[in-house]
Amino acid sequence: MRIIEIIREKLNLPATSPKSDASNFHRGEKAFVFIAAYIIALVMWAMINLDRDFSMDIELPVLYGEFPEDKAPVQRLPEYVRASVSGEGWKLLNLYGSTPRVAIDINEERVDLHNFVQTQMANQSGLTVGQVSPSSIQIRLEDKISKRVPVEPQINIEFRRQFNMVGNPNLTPDSITVTGAISLVEDIDAWPTKSQNYDDLNQPLDIVLELEEPSDLIRISDEQIHYALNVSEFTEGEIRVPLLIRGGEESRNFSLSPSSVLIKYNIPIGQYSEALDKMLFDAFVDFNDISNDASGFVTPNVEPLTDEYEVSIRSIQPQRVSYFQIIQN
């Protein structure tokens, strides 16, 4: 009965009276004693039986180990190799907690997987390796190359009304080094980031973009890039620009109607006042268009005169102009 009293003290259970006996145990005490006895019996069974020899099949992860420095593999290894292993139950039980990985060192084209598994299991003393499937694999290597390619951001942005980007996005780094077998790397022209979406953007963007993960056969020099984008609110401006005819001496004998066009454009609010006094665009008609025309109307061309301001053309009025030849007496 002393054992029961010790259990009561450890669990802070109510003390029993001297007249109490095992038949008057509290229901919780009975459950505890039953569970404790079951656990003790289970441990004793394991200690006795796990000393015996057992056999089991396990799956061992396979990965590339060492191969010549100037070579790179072309095909993936099997994800797992299945092996039959026998030994004491305790040692087999340890494999469930930390399954060893098989690193394939490549010295020749055909690799004996059975030998690699045996070598790996040599660290687990007392274990014997039986059948291994597949027992061998064919490995193909090629010359290894490194190539610098630009990063291609996969980012979709919807700007709030009257907002847009100013300038181009700034990527740091803007390119990465890709390394692998020549047949796998030579056709790579850019490396994408993981996709990101932004809606209703109205402020500068300064984020980190993760690069798409390469396959097991390719290595990249960076895992992420820094992406910065300047965003500004835009306003509308307009300017009237003289319309000229370009090309050919005969162009001086032609005239346009109207002789100017009205260009409406978008510009960041911060640049609007300064740009008011500047000639931002040049407007012209190519004389070849007049020579090849039979309708009497041609479309004017507009090109920016400076890249100092972040302007984009909204409209050109009129969209078509007429021309006529000046007859000199």
Protein backbone atom coordinates (compact mmCIF):
# COMPACT_ATOMS: atom_id res chain seq x y z
CA MET A 1 0.00 0.00 0.00
CA ARG A 2 3.01 2.25 0.40
CA ILE A 3 3.33 2.51 -3.40
CA ILE A 4 -0.21 3.86 -3.69
CA GLU A 5 0.50 6.50 -1.05
CA ILE A 6 3.64 7.63 -2.89
CA ILE A 7 1.63 7.97 -6.11
CA ARG A 8 -0.99 10.01 -4.22
CA GLU A 9 1.68 12.37 -2.91
CA LYS A 10 3.30 12.86 -6.36
CA LEU A 11 -0.06 13.59 -8.02
CA ASN A 12 -1.45 15.63 -5.10
CA LEU A 13 -4.41 13.25 -4.78
CA PRO A 14 -6.55 13.14 -1.61
CA ALA A 15 -5.13 10.88 1.07
CA THR A 16 -6.96 7.68 1.92
CA SER A 17 -8.04 6.73 5.40
CA PRO A 18 -6.30 3.83 7.17
CA LYS A 19 -9.39 1.71 6.60
CA SER A 20 -9.24 2.19 2.84
CA ASP A 21 -8.08 -0.70 0.68
CA ALA A 22 -7.49 -1.37 -3.02
CA SER A 23 -11.19 -1.81 -3.63
CA ASN A 24 -11.82 1.82 -2.64
CA PHE A 25 -9.32 3.40 -5.09
CA HIS A 26 -10.45 6.58 -6.76
CA ARG A 27 -11.44 5.97 -10.40
CA GLY A 28 -8.65 8.26 -11.66
CA GLU A 29 -6.10 6.35 -9.59
CA LYS A 30 -7.17 3.08 -11.16
CA ALA A 31 -6.79 4.51 -14.65
CA PHE A 32 -3.34 5.88 -13.86
CA VAL A 33 -2.15 2.57 -12.42
CA PHE A 34 -3.48 0.72 -15.48
CA ILE A 35 -1.74 3.07 -17.94
CA ALA A 36 1.54 2.96 -16.01
CA ALA A 37 1.45 -0.82 -15.94
CA TYR A 38 0.71 -0.95 -19.68
CA ILE A 39 3.62 1.34 -20.51
CA ILE A 40 6.01 -0.67 -18.34
CA ALA A 41 4.89 -3.89 -20.01
CA LEU A 42 5.32 -2.33 -23.48
CA VAL A 43 8.83 -1.15 -22.66
CA MET A 44 9.82 -4.55 -21.33
CA TRP A 45 8.42 -6.23 -24.46
CA ALA A 46 10.41 -3.83 -26.67
CA MET A 47 13.63 -4.42 -24.70
CA ILE A 48 13.27 -8.17 -25.13
CA ASN A 49 12.09 -8.32 -28.75
CA LEU A 50 14.09 -5.51 -30.35
CA ASP A 51 17.32 -7.33 -29.55
CA ARG A 52 16.31 -9.87 -32.18
CA ASP A 53 17.26 -9.59 -35.88
CA PHE A 54 14.71 -8.21 -38.35
CA SER A 55 14.63 -7.35 -42.05
CA MET A 56 12.86 -4.43 -43.69
CA ASP A 57 12.76 -2.43 -46.92
CA ILE A 58 13.63 1.26 -46.74
CA GLU A 59 13.75 4.10 -49.26
CA LEU A 60 16.99 6.08 -49.24
CA PRO A 61 17.09 9.58 -50.84
CA VAL A 62 19.66 9.82 -53.67
CA LEU A 63 21.68 12.93 -54.54
CA TYR A 64 24.74 13.89 -56.52
CA GLY A 65 28.05 13.91 -54.66
CA GLU A 66 31.40 14.68 -56.28
CA PHE A 67 32.11 14.71 -60.01
CA PRO A 68 34.85 16.31 -62.17
CA GLU A 69 35.01 20.09 -61.67
CA ASP A 70 34.62 20.89 -65.36
CA LYS A 71 31.67 18.50 -65.86
CA ALA A 72 27.98 18.67 -64.97
CA PRO A 73 25.19 16.03 -65.06
CA VAL A 74 22.48 16.15 -67.71
CA GLN A 75 19.73 13.99 -66.18
CA ARG A 76 18.18 13.74 -62.76
CA LEU A 77 18.91 10.88 -60.38
CA PRO A 78 16.06 8.68 -59.14
CA GLU A 79 14.49 10.34 -56.12
CA TYR A 80 14.86 7.22 -53.98
CA VAL A 81 16.62 3.87 -54.05
CA ARG A 82 14.90 0.94 -52.32
CA ALA A 83 17.14 -1.30 -50.18
CA SER A 84 16.53 -4.44 -48.10
CA VAL A 85 18.31 -4.04 -44.74
CA SER A 86 18.62 -6.53 -41.88
CA GLY A 87 19.95 -6.20 -38.33
CA GLU A 88 18.92 -5.77 -34.69
CA GLY A 89 15.54 -4.20 -34.16
CA TRP A 90 16.99 -1.27 -32.21
CA LYS A 91 19.33 -0.33 -35.04
CA LEU A 92 16.62 -0.67 -37.67
CA LEU A 93 14.38 1.53 -35.54
CA ASN A 94 17.01 4.28 -35.67
CA LEU A 95 16.69 4.40 -39.47
CA TYR A 96 13.14 5.71 -39.18
CA GLY A 97 14.35 8.75 -37.26
CA SER A 98 17.29 9.60 -39.54
CA THR A 99 17.20 7.90 -42.92
CA PRO A 100 20.67 8.26 -44.48
CA ARG A 101 21.03 9.84 -47.91
CA VAL A 102 23.08 8.21 -50.65
CA ALA A 103 25.56 10.65 -52.24
CA ILE A 104 26.63 9.49 -55.71
CA ASP A 105 30.26 10.30 -56.54
CA ILE A 106 30.70 10.00 -60.30
CA ASN A 107 33.93 8.60 -61.71
CA GLU A 108 32.48 6.58 -64.58
CA GLU A 109 29.28 6.49 -66.60
CA ARG A 110 27.67 3.47 -64.89
CA VAL A 111 27.20 3.76 -61.13
CA ASP A 112 26.85 0.70 -58.85
CA LEU A 113 24.13 1.82 -56.42
CA HIS A 114 24.41 -1.37 -54.38
CA ASN A 115 28.01 -0.49 -53.58
CA PHE A 116 27.12 3.08 -52.61
CA VAL A 117 24.33 1.92 -50.29
CA GLN A 118 26.64 -0.60 -48.63
CA THR A 119 29.24 2.11 -48.11
CA GLN A 120 26.64 4.45 -46.64
CA MET A 121 25.34 1.74 -44.30
CA ALA A 122 28.87 0.96 -43.08
CA ASN A 123 28.38 3.85 -40.67
CA GLN A 124 25.44 1.93 -39.18
CA SER A 125 27.37 -0.95 -37.56
CA GLY A 126 25.54 -4.23 -37.38
CA LEU A 127 23.32 -3.64 -40.41
CA THR A 128 23.49 -5.77 -43.55
CA VAL A 129 22.38 -4.58 -46.99
CA GLY A 130 20.65 -7.12 -49.20
CA GLN A 131 18.95 -6.32 -52.49
CA VAL A 132 19.08 -2.74 -53.85
CA SER A 133 16.70 -1.51 -56.55
CA PRO A 134 17.74 -0.17 -58.95
CA SER A 135 21.10 -1.85 -58.54
CA SER A 136 22.86 0.55 -60.96
CA ILE A 137 22.16 3.65 -63.06
CA GLN A 138 23.66 5.21 -66.16
CA ILE A 139 25.01 8.75 -65.71
CA ARG A 140 25.69 11.20 -68.55
CA LEU A 141 27.97 14.20 -68.02
CA GLU A 142 28.68 17.20 -70.25
CA ASP A 143 31.04 20.14 -70.15
CA LYS A 144 29.99 22.62 -67.47
CA ILE A 145 29.51 26.26 -68.44
CA SER A 146 28.48 29.48 -66.68
CA LYS A 147 26.43 32.16 -68.38
CA ARG A 148 25.34 35.64 -67.30
CA VAL A 149 21.69 36.32 -68.14
CA PRO A 150 19.33 39.22 -67.35
CA VAL A 151 16.66 38.89 -64.68
CA GLU A 152 13.11 39.02 -66.02
CA PRO A 153 10.65 40.31 -63.37
CA GLN A 154 7.26 38.61 -63.50
CA ILE A 155 5.30 41.45 -61.93
CA ASN A 156 1.82 42.60 -62.97
CA ILE A 157 0.87 46.11 -61.89
CA GLU A 158 -2.45 47.93 -62.18
CA PHE A 159 -2.02 51.62 -61.39
CA ARG A 160 -4.64 53.81 -59.78
CA ARG A 161 -6.30 56.25 -62.17
CA GLN A 162 -3.95 59.15 -63.04
CA PHE A 163 -0.92 57.28 -61.61
CA ASN A 164 1.86 55.59 -63.55
CA MET A 165 5.53 54.64 -63.37
CA VAL A 166 8.28 57.23 -63.75
CA GLY A 167 11.33 55.89 -65.56
CA ASN A 168 12.22 52.22 -65.68
CA PRO A 169 12.29 49.74 -62.77
CA ASN A 170 15.63 49.43 -60.97
CA LEU A 171 16.78 45.82 -60.47
CA THR A 172 19.64 44.90 -58.13
CA PRO A 173 21.23 42.75 -59.42
CA ASP A 174 19.81 43.03 -62.92
CA SER A 175 21.50 39.79 -64.06
CA ILE A 176 22.62 36.49 -62.54
CA THR A 177 25.03 33.68 -63.37
CA VAL A 178 23.56 30.34 -64.43
CA THR A 179 25.77 27.22 -64.22
CA GLY A 180 25.21 23.70 -65.48
CA ALA A 181 25.67 21.28 -68.37
CA ILE A 182 26.15 23.06 -71.69
CA SER A 183 22.99 21.61 -73.29
CA LEU A 184 20.87 22.82 -70.36
CA VAL A 185 22.34 26.33 -70.08
CA GLU A 186 23.17 27.49 -73.61
CA ASP A 187 19.54 28.24 -74.56
CA ILE A 188 18.73 30.20 -71.36
CA ASP A 189 18.43 33.89 -72.33
CA ALA A 190 16.84 35.26 -69.14
CA TRP A 191 15.86 34.10 -65.66
CA PRO A 192 12.35 34.89 -64.35
CA THR A 193 11.27 35.87 -60.88
CA LYS A 194 8.28 34.38 -59.11
CA SER A 195 5.06 36.13 -60.10
CA GLN A 196 3.74 39.10 -58.09
CA ASN A 197 0.55 41.12 -58.59
CA TYR A 198 -0.23 44.66 -57.43
CA ASP A 199 -3.56 46.43 -57.86
CA ASP A 200 -4.46 50.12 -57.47
CA LEU A 201 -0.81 51.13 -57.02
CA ASN A 202 -0.36 54.82 -56.19
CA GLN A 203 3.02 54.98 -54.48
CA PRO A 204 6.64 53.92 -55.15
CA LEU A 205 7.32 50.21 -54.97
CA ASP A 206 10.38 48.86 -53.15
CA ILE A 207 10.29 45.07 -52.74
CA VAL A 208 12.31 41.87 -52.85
CA LEU A 209 11.42 39.42 -55.64
CA GLU A 210 12.27 35.74 -55.29
CA LEU A 211 13.80 34.11 -58.36
CA GLU A 212 12.24 30.98 -59.80
CA GLU A 213 13.96 27.95 -58.32
CA PRO A 214 16.20 26.06 -60.75
CA SER A 215 16.13 22.31 -61.29
CA ASP A 216 18.53 20.04 -59.44
CA LEU A 217 20.85 20.16 -62.46
CA ILE A 218 21.28 23.96 -62.64
CA ARG A 219 22.77 26.43 -60.17
CA ILE A 220 22.06 30.18 -60.04
CA SER A 221 24.23 32.79 -58.34
CA ASP A 222 21.35 34.58 -56.53
CA GLU A 223 18.02 33.58 -55.02
CA GLN A 224 16.34 37.00 -54.99
CA ILE A 225 16.65 40.54 -56.35
CA HIS A 226 15.73 44.01 -55.16
CA TYR A 227 13.04 45.70 -57.29
CA ALA A 228 12.39 49.45 -57.04
CA LEU A 229 9.85 51.41 -59.09
CA ASN A 230 9.14 55.13 -58.90
CA VAL A 231 5.43 55.98 -59.16
CA SER A 232 3.89 59.43 -59.53
CA GLU A 233 0.54 61.07 -60.12
CA PHE A 234 0.23 62.42 -63.67
CA THR A 235 -1.62 65.39 -65.07
CA GLU A 236 -2.58 66.36 -68.63
CA GLY A 237 -0.79 69.00 -70.64
CA GLU A 238 -1.20 70.23 -74.21
CA ILE A 239 0.99 72.01 -76.71
CA ARG A 240 0.55 73.22 -80.29
CA VAL A 241 3.44 72.24 -82.54
CA PRO A 242 4.19 73.45 -86.11
CA LEU A 243 3.83 70.72 -88.72
CA LEU A 244 6.66 70.41 -91.28
CA ILE A 245 7.34 68.26 -94.33
CA ARG A 246 10.52 66.20 -94.29
CA GLY A 247 12.47 64.68 -97.16
CA GLY A 248 13.07 65.57 -100.80
CA GLU A 249 13.61 68.91 -102.46
CA GLU A 250 10.12 68.79 -103.94
CA SER A 251 8.63 69.03 -100.44
CA ARG A 252 9.09 72.80 -100.54
CA ASN A 253 6.42 72.91 -103.23
CA PHE A 254 3.81 71.41 -100.90
CA SER A 255 1.87 72.85 -98.02
CA LEU A 256 -0.17 71.25 -95.21
CA SER A 257 -3.56 72.15 -93.82
CA PRO A 258 -3.66 72.69 -90.94
CA SER A 259 -0.02 73.71 -90.51
CA SER A 260 0.14 72.64 -86.87
CA VAL A 261 -1.19 69.92 -84.57
CA LEU A 262 -2.40 69.99 -80.98
CA ILE A 263 -0.65 67.36 -78.86
CA LYS A 264 -2.17 66.33 -75.55
CA TYR A 265 0.18 64.46 -73.22
CA ASN A 266 0.52 63.06 -69.71
CA ILE A 267 3.33 64.26 -67.44
CA PRO A 268 4.15 63.83 -63.73
CA ILE A 269 2.70 66.64 -61.62
CA GLY A 270 6.16 67.50 -60.33
CA GLN A 271 7.46 68.12 -63.87
CA TYR A 272 4.46 69.97 -65.27
CA SER A 273 5.40 73.58 -64.41
CA GLU A 274 8.96 73.25 -65.65
CA ALA A 275 7.92 71.62 -68.92
CA LEU A 276 5.44 74.39 -69.83
CA ASP A 277 8.20 76.56 -71.28
CA LYS A 278 9.88 73.75 -73.23
CA MET A 279 9.35 72.51 -76.76
CA LEU A 280 8.72 68.84 -76.02
CA PHE A 281 7.80 67.44 -79.45
CA ASP A 282 8.57 67.68 -83.12
CA ALA A 283 5.71 67.12 -85.61
CA PHE A 284 6.22 66.30 -89.30
CA VAL A 285 4.91 64.56 -92.39
CA ASP A 286 7.21 62.36 -94.44
CA PHE A 287 7.27 63.45 -98.08
CA ASN A 288 7.29 59.78 -99.16
CA ASP A 289 3.84 59.47 -97.58
CA ILE A 290 2.64 62.33 -99.76
CA SER A 291 4.26 60.86 -102.89
CA ASN A 292 2.61 57.48 -102.36
CA ASP A 293 -0.80 58.86 -101.35
CA ALA A 294 -3.86 59.13 -103.55
CA SER A 295 -6.41 60.24 -100.94
CA GLY A 296 -5.20 63.78 -100.28
CA PHE A 297 -4.71 63.10 -96.56
CA VAL A 298 -1.68 61.91 -94.61
CA THR A 299 -0.98 61.06 -90.99
CA PRO A 300 1.41 63.35 -89.06
CA ASN A 301 4.29 61.88 -87.05
CA VAL A 302 5.32 63.07 -83.60
CA GLU A 303 8.60 62.38 -81.81
CA PRO A 304 9.92 63.68 -78.47
CA LEU A 305 12.73 66.23 -78.54
CA THR A 306 14.06 65.45 -75.06
CA ASP A 307 14.15 62.59 -72.56
CA GLU A 308 14.36 64.99 -69.64
CA TYR A 309 10.68 64.58 -68.83
CA GLU A 310 8.52 61.51 -68.42
CA VAL A 311 5.85 62.36 -70.98
CA SER A 312 3.46 60.10 -72.87
CA ILE A 313 1.24 61.22 -75.75
CA ARG A 314 -2.51 60.96 -75.18
CA SER A 315 -3.75 62.26 -78.54
CA ILE A 316 -2.82 64.20 -81.67
CA GLN A 317 -5.40 66.49 -83.27
CA PRO A 318 -6.12 66.32 -86.10
CA GLN A 319 -5.16 62.73 -86.73
CA ARG A 320 -4.91 63.34 -90.50
CA VAL A 321 -4.05 66.49 -92.42
CA SER A 322 -4.53 67.48 -96.06
CA TYR A 323 -1.80 68.67 -98.40
CA PHE A 324 -1.73 70.63 -101.60
CA GLN A 325 0.90 71.62 -104.13
CA ILE A 326 1.93 75.23 -104.49
CA ILE A 327 2.01 76.24 -108.15
CA GLN A 328 4.45 79.02 -108.78
CA ASN A 329 3.96 81.37 -111.76
